[in-house]
Amino acid sequence: MKDIQLTLDSILNECKDYWLEDDCFLVEQSFQVHITQKLQKLDEKNKSLEAYDVFVSTDLVVSLRKSISLDFKNTLLDKQNGYNIDTKRKIRLQKYIEISTSVSEFYIHLDKLLCDINQRKKYNIYQPFNGFLFGFLIFLLFYWLS
């Protein structure tokens, strides 16, 4: 879980650097390579969690990928001539906010998963103790009856 959170932080920082810079479209290929690499790392971490019966919502992963998508950039470039610099910055800021929202939703989901895992651990800690206690009571019962 910690690795997923670190990867999400890294993705968000990368998106911030890309979308909030004035010359953001000059480094598009570098951005695509870094983000693709980080998304693959995120997928690997999700798969390793599945081995522990912890499943990250696929809707959140799809939403994150969709928000990071560069399809939005093409729309921005098509209309670039009609926009002034302030409008372009606002559009890029909106895109970053969309990405940030997707990452925040992912964090909320991870927090819920961690709570569920902690509840399971709490239950699993007491389960062997309860079995021991039950066995001890049965032993006392047979000892008392004999």
Protein backbone atom coordinates (compact mmCIF):
# COMPACT_ATOMS: atom_id res chain seq x y z
CA MET A 1 0.00 0.00 0.00
CA LYS A 2 2.83 2.36 0.86
CA ASP A 3 4.41 1.78 -2.56
CA ILE A 4 1.11 2.56 -4.26
CA GLN A 5 0.83 5.79 -2.30
CA LEU A 6 4.38 6.77 -3.22
CA THR A 7 3.69 5.98 -6.87
CA LEU A 8 0.53 8.10 -6.78
CA ASP A 9 2.52 10.98 -5.25
CA SER A 10 5.08 10.63 -8.00
CA ILE A 11 2.38 10.61 -10.69
CA LEU A 12 0.80 13.73 -9.22
CA ASN A 13 4.16 15.54 -9.08
CA GLU A 14 4.92 14.57 -12.65
CA CYS A 15 1.52 15.86 -13.78
CA LYS A 16 1.99 19.08 -11.84
CA ASP A 17 5.33 19.67 -13.50
CA TYR A 18 3.84 18.95 -16.91
CA TRP A 19 0.49 20.72 -16.77
CA LEU A 20 1.39 23.77 -14.72
CA GLU A 21 4.51 24.82 -16.61
CA ASP A 22 4.18 27.54 -19.24
CA ASP A 23 6.04 25.46 -21.83
CA CYS A 24 4.36 22.20 -20.85
CA PHE A 25 3.95 20.89 -24.38
CA LEU A 26 7.65 20.99 -25.14
CA VAL A 27 8.33 17.93 -22.96
CA GLU A 28 5.40 15.75 -24.03
CA GLN A 29 7.37 12.63 -24.95
CA SER A 30 9.32 12.67 -21.70
CA PHE A 31 6.09 13.07 -19.77
CA GLN A 32 4.44 10.18 -21.62
CA VAL A 33 7.39 7.89 -20.90
CA HIS A 34 7.51 8.76 -17.20
CA ILE A 35 3.77 8.51 -16.68
CA THR A 36 3.52 5.22 -18.56
CA GLN A 37 6.30 3.82 -16.41
CA LYS A 38 4.61 4.97 -13.21
CA LEU A 39 1.23 3.59 -14.29
CA GLN A 40 2.86 0.22 -15.02
CA LYS A 41 4.42 0.28 -11.56
CA LEU A 42 0.99 1.04 -10.11
CA ASP A 43 -0.48 -1.94 -12.00
CA GLU A 44 2.27 -4.21 -10.65
CA LYS A 45 1.62 -3.08 -7.09
CA ASN A 46 -2.11 -3.66 -7.55
CA LYS A 47 -1.42 -7.19 -8.77
CA SER A 48 0.79 -7.91 -5.77
CA LEU A 49 -2.00 -6.71 -3.46
CA GLU A 50 -4.39 -9.13 -5.14
CA ALA A 51 -2.19 -11.96 -3.86
CA TYR A 52 -3.29 -10.86 -0.37
CA ASP A 53 -6.96 -10.68 -1.36
CA VAL A 54 -6.87 -6.87 -1.43
CA PHE A 55 -8.44 -5.48 -4.57
CA VAL A 56 -8.10 -1.91 -5.76
CA SER A 57 -11.15 -0.67 -7.62
CA THR A 58 -10.62 -0.93 -11.36
CA ASP A 59 -12.91 2.07 -11.81
CA LEU A 60 -10.39 4.20 -9.94
CA VAL A 61 -7.51 2.94 -12.04
CA VAL A 62 -9.44 3.64 -15.25
CA SER A 63 -10.45 7.09 -13.97
CA LEU A 64 -6.83 7.91 -13.16
CA ARG A 65 -5.60 6.75 -16.56
CA LYS A 66 -8.34 8.73 -18.27
CA SER A 67 -7.55 11.92 -16.36
CA ILE A 68 -3.83 11.62 -17.13
CA SER A 69 -4.55 11.02 -20.80
CA LEU A 70 -3.05 13.51 -23.22
CA ASP A 71 -6.15 13.54 -25.43
CA PHE A 72 -7.09 16.75 -23.67
CA LYS A 73 -3.88 18.35 -24.93
CA ASN A 74 -4.93 17.84 -28.55
CA THR A 75 -8.16 19.73 -27.91
CA LEU A 76 -6.16 22.51 -26.29
CA LEU A 77 -3.77 22.71 -29.23
CA ASP A 78 -6.63 22.81 -31.73
CA LYS A 79 -8.08 25.83 -30.00
CA GLN A 80 -4.74 27.35 -29.03
CA ASN A 81 -4.89 30.17 -31.55
CA GLY A 82 -8.21 31.39 -30.17
CA TYR A 83 -7.11 31.35 -26.51
CA ASN A 84 -5.04 33.94 -24.73
CA ILE A 85 -2.30 32.89 -22.32
CA ASP A 86 -4.46 33.30 -19.20
CA THR A 87 -7.16 31.06 -20.67
CA LYS A 88 -4.57 28.41 -21.56
CA ARG A 89 -3.26 28.49 -17.98
CA LYS A 90 -6.79 28.12 -16.62
CA ILE A 91 -7.43 25.15 -18.87
CA ARG A 92 -4.17 23.49 -17.83
CA LEU A 93 -4.97 24.21 -14.18
CA GLN A 94 -8.39 22.57 -14.62
CA LYS A 95 -6.67 19.53 -16.12
CA TYR A 96 -4.30 19.32 -13.15
CA ILE A 97 -7.24 19.64 -10.73
CA GLU A 98 -8.97 16.77 -12.54
CA ILE A 99 -5.86 14.60 -12.14
CA SER A 100 -5.47 15.64 -8.52
CA THR A 101 -9.09 14.70 -7.85
CA SER A 102 -8.56 11.24 -9.37
CA VAL A 103 -5.49 10.72 -7.19
CA SER A 104 -7.41 11.89 -4.10
CA GLU A 105 -10.22 9.43 -4.83
CA PHE A 106 -7.58 6.72 -5.16
CA TYR A 107 -6.17 7.69 -1.75
CA ILE A 108 -9.62 7.56 -0.16
CA HIS A 109 -10.11 4.08 -1.59
CA LEU A 110 -6.69 2.97 -0.27
CA ASP A 111 -7.56 4.30 3.17
CA LYS A 112 -10.77 2.25 3.15
CA LEU A 113 -8.80 -0.82 2.11
CA LEU A 114 -6.32 -0.26 4.93
CA CYS A 115 -9.17 0.04 7.43
CA ASP A 116 -10.61 -3.25 6.15
CA ILE A 117 -7.21 -4.93 6.41
CA ASN A 118 -6.74 -3.65 9.94
CA GLN A 119 -10.18 -4.92 10.92
CA ARG A 120 -9.32 -8.34 9.51
CA LYS A 121 -6.03 -8.34 11.43
CA LYS A 122 -7.80 -7.36 14.63
CA TYR A 123 -10.23 -10.22 14.15
CA ASN A 124 -7.44 -12.66 13.25
CA ILE A 125 -5.47 -11.71 16.36
CA TYR A 126 -8.34 -12.67 18.66
CA GLN A 127 -9.43 -15.72 16.74
CA PRO A 128 -6.60 -18.03 17.94
CA PHE A 129 -7.04 -16.69 21.48
CA ASN A 130 -10.76 -17.42 21.35
CA GLY A 131 -10.03 -20.95 20.16
CA PHE A 132 -7.58 -21.46 22.99
CA LEU A 133 -10.04 -20.06 25.52
CA PHE A 134 -12.83 -22.27 24.18
CA GLY A 135 -10.57 -25.32 24.33
CA PHE A 136 -9.51 -24.47 27.88
CA LEU A 137 -13.15 -24.12 28.98
CA ILE A 138 -14.00 -27.52 27.47
CA PHE A 139 -10.99 -29.00 29.28
CA LEU A 140 -12.20 -27.51 32.56
CA LEU A 141 -15.71 -28.81 31.92
CA PHE A 142 -14.44 -32.38 31.33
CA TYR A 143 -12.10 -32.10 34.31
CA TRP A 144 -14.97 -30.92 36.51
CA LEU A 145 -17.29 -33.70 35.25
CA SER A 146 -14.74 -36.44 35.82
